[in-house]
Amino acid sequence: EEKYTSYLTRRPLIALHLKENALKNYRLTFMQHLCKSNIFTPFSIPMYAMRPEDAAQIRALIKKHAKYIDNRD
């Protein structure tokens, strides 16, 4: 899911939401546990921190391997 970090800053990020029990055998770090219910999921990609052409490549890879939802509107 691609969304903004907040309504004020409007910095885009892609938050990867894993299926239930996907992390059954994976031990989350302390920071990942803290971020689990936040806007920044344990696996987030800050799109605002890269060049537009790199962001486009990341979006294409995610669309190829996962369901992509754009909630930036």
C-alpha atoms as a PDB file:
ATOM      1  CA  GLU A   1       0.000   0.000   0.000  1.00  0.00           C
ATOM      2  CA  GLU A   2       1.419   3.385  -0.962  1.00  0.00           C
ATOM      3  CA  LYS A   3       0.380   6.275   1.257  1.00  0.00           C
ATOM      4  CA  TYR A   4       1.619   9.538   2.714  1.00  0.00           C
ATOM      5  CA  THR A   5       3.408   9.709   6.061  1.00  0.00           C
ATOM      6  CA  SER A   6       0.884  12.349   7.177  1.00  0.00           C
ATOM      7  CA  TYR A   7      -1.569  14.811   5.685  1.00  0.00           C
ATOM      8  CA  LEU A   8       0.752  17.715   6.436  1.00  0.00           C
ATOM      9  CA  THR A   9       4.081  16.456   5.094  1.00  0.00           C
ATOM     10  CA  ARG A  10       2.686  14.322   2.245  1.00  0.00           C
ATOM     11  CA  ARG A  11       5.881  12.275   1.917  1.00  0.00           C
ATOM     12  CA  PRO A  12       5.049   8.995   0.154  1.00  0.00           C
ATOM     13  CA  LEU A  13       6.021   5.577   1.446  1.00  0.00           C
ATOM     14  CA  ILE A  14       5.123   2.017   0.587  1.00  0.00           C
ATOM     15  CA  ALA A  15       4.024  -0.052   3.575  1.00  0.00           C
ATOM     16  CA  LEU A  16       4.197  -3.787   3.015  1.00  0.00           C
ATOM     17  CA  HIS A  17       1.433  -5.608   4.891  1.00  0.00           C
ATOM     18  CA  LEU A  18       2.195  -9.282   5.334  1.00  0.00           C
ATOM     19  CA  LYS A  19      -0.403 -12.045   5.378  1.00  0.00           C
ATOM     20  CA  GLU A  20      -1.478 -13.491   8.722  1.00  0.00           C
ATOM     21  CA  ASN A  21       1.065 -15.944  10.130  1.00  0.00           C
ATOM     22  CA  ALA A  22       3.646 -14.910   7.514  1.00  0.00           C
ATOM     23  CA  LEU A  23       6.020 -13.993  10.324  1.00  0.00           C
ATOM     24  CA  LYS A  24       5.339 -17.116  12.353  1.00  0.00           C
ATOM     25  CA  ASN A  25       8.961 -18.286  12.068  1.00  0.00           C
ATOM     26  CA  TYR A  26      10.535 -14.815  11.883  1.00  0.00           C
ATOM     27  CA  ARG A  27      11.571 -12.998  15.037  1.00  0.00           C
ATOM     28  CA  LEU A  28      10.868  -9.254  14.802  1.00  0.00           C
ATOM     29  CA  THR A  29      13.408  -6.788  16.156  1.00  0.00           C
ATOM     30  CA  PHE A  30      12.451  -4.373  18.921  1.00  0.00           C
ATOM     31  CA  MET A  31      11.873  -1.531  16.430  1.00  0.00           C
ATOM     32  CA  GLN A  32       9.766  -3.772  14.188  1.00  0.00           C
ATOM     33  CA  HIS A  33       7.560  -4.630  17.174  1.00  0.00           C
ATOM     34  CA  LEU A  34       7.127  -0.925  17.948  1.00  0.00           C
ATOM     35  CA  CYS A  35       6.246  -0.108  14.349  1.00  0.00           C
ATOM     36  CA  LYS A  36       3.899  -3.044  13.784  1.00  0.00           C
ATOM     37  CA  SER A  37       0.703  -1.007  14.329  1.00  0.00           C
ATOM     38  CA  ASN A  38       2.031   2.355  13.168  1.00  0.00           C
ATOM     39  CA  ILE A  39       1.830   3.981   9.714  1.00  0.00           C
ATOM     40  CA  PHE A  40       5.372   2.677   9.224  1.00  0.00           C
ATOM     41  CA  THR A  41       4.929  -1.083   9.230  1.00  0.00           C
ATOM     42  CA  PRO A  42       7.919  -3.302  10.098  1.00  0.00           C
ATOM     43  CA  PHE A  43       8.598  -3.453   6.368  1.00  0.00           C
ATOM     44  CA  SER A  44       8.237   0.029   4.828  1.00  0.00           C
ATOM     45  CA  ILE A  45       9.994   1.669   1.909  1.00  0.00           C
ATOM     46  CA  PRO A  46      10.340   5.470   2.117  1.00  0.00           C
ATOM     47  CA  MET A  47       9.693   6.599  -1.463  1.00  0.00           C
ATOM     48  CA  TYR A  48      10.504  10.226  -0.593  1.00  0.00           C
ATOM     49  CA  ALA A  49      14.131   9.253   0.067  1.00  0.00           C
ATOM     50  CA  MET A  50      14.960   8.228  -3.504  1.00  0.00           C
ATOM     51  CA  ARG A  51      15.096   9.543  -7.039  1.00  0.00           C
ATOM     52  CA  PRO A  52      11.850   9.352  -9.072  1.00  0.00           C
ATOM     53  CA  GLU A  53      13.290   6.779 -11.506  1.00  0.00           C
ATOM     54  CA  ASP A  54      14.355   4.528  -8.606  1.00  0.00           C
ATOM     55  CA  ALA A  55      10.912   4.907  -7.010  1.00  0.00           C
ATOM     56  CA  ALA A  56       9.302   3.862 -10.314  1.00  0.00           C
ATOM     57  CA  GLN A  57      11.466   0.715 -10.409  1.00  0.00           C
ATOM     58  CA  ILE A  58      10.531  -0.143  -6.818  1.00  0.00           C
ATOM     59  CA  ARG A  59       6.814   0.299  -7.630  1.00  0.00           C
ATOM     60  CA  ALA A  60       7.166  -1.942 -10.690  1.00  0.00           C
ATOM     61  CA  LEU A  61       8.851  -4.684  -8.641  1.00  0.00           C
ATOM     62  CA  ILE A  62       6.188  -4.539  -5.956  1.00  0.00           C
ATOM     63  CA  LYS A  63       3.374  -4.633  -8.548  1.00  0.00           C
ATOM     64  CA  LYS A  64       5.023  -7.700 -10.083  1.00  0.00           C
ATOM     65  CA  HIS A  65       5.218  -9.661  -6.815  1.00  0.00           C
ATOM     66  CA  ALA A  66       2.434  -8.311  -4.578  1.00  0.00           C
ATOM     67  CA  LYS A  67      -0.908  -6.546  -4.534  1.00  0.00           C
ATOM     68  CA  TYR A  68      -0.293  -2.797  -4.923  1.00  0.00           C
ATOM     69  CA  ILE A  69      -2.770  -0.238  -3.569  1.00  0.00           C
ATOM     70  CA  ASP A  70      -2.238   3.507  -4.029  1.00  0.00           C
ATOM     71  CA  ASN A  71      -3.928   5.415  -1.187  1.00  0.00           C
ATOM     72  CA  ARG A  72      -2.278   8.778  -1.787  1.00  0.00           C
ATOM     73  CA  ASP A  73      -5.494  10.527  -2.865  1.00  0.00           C
END
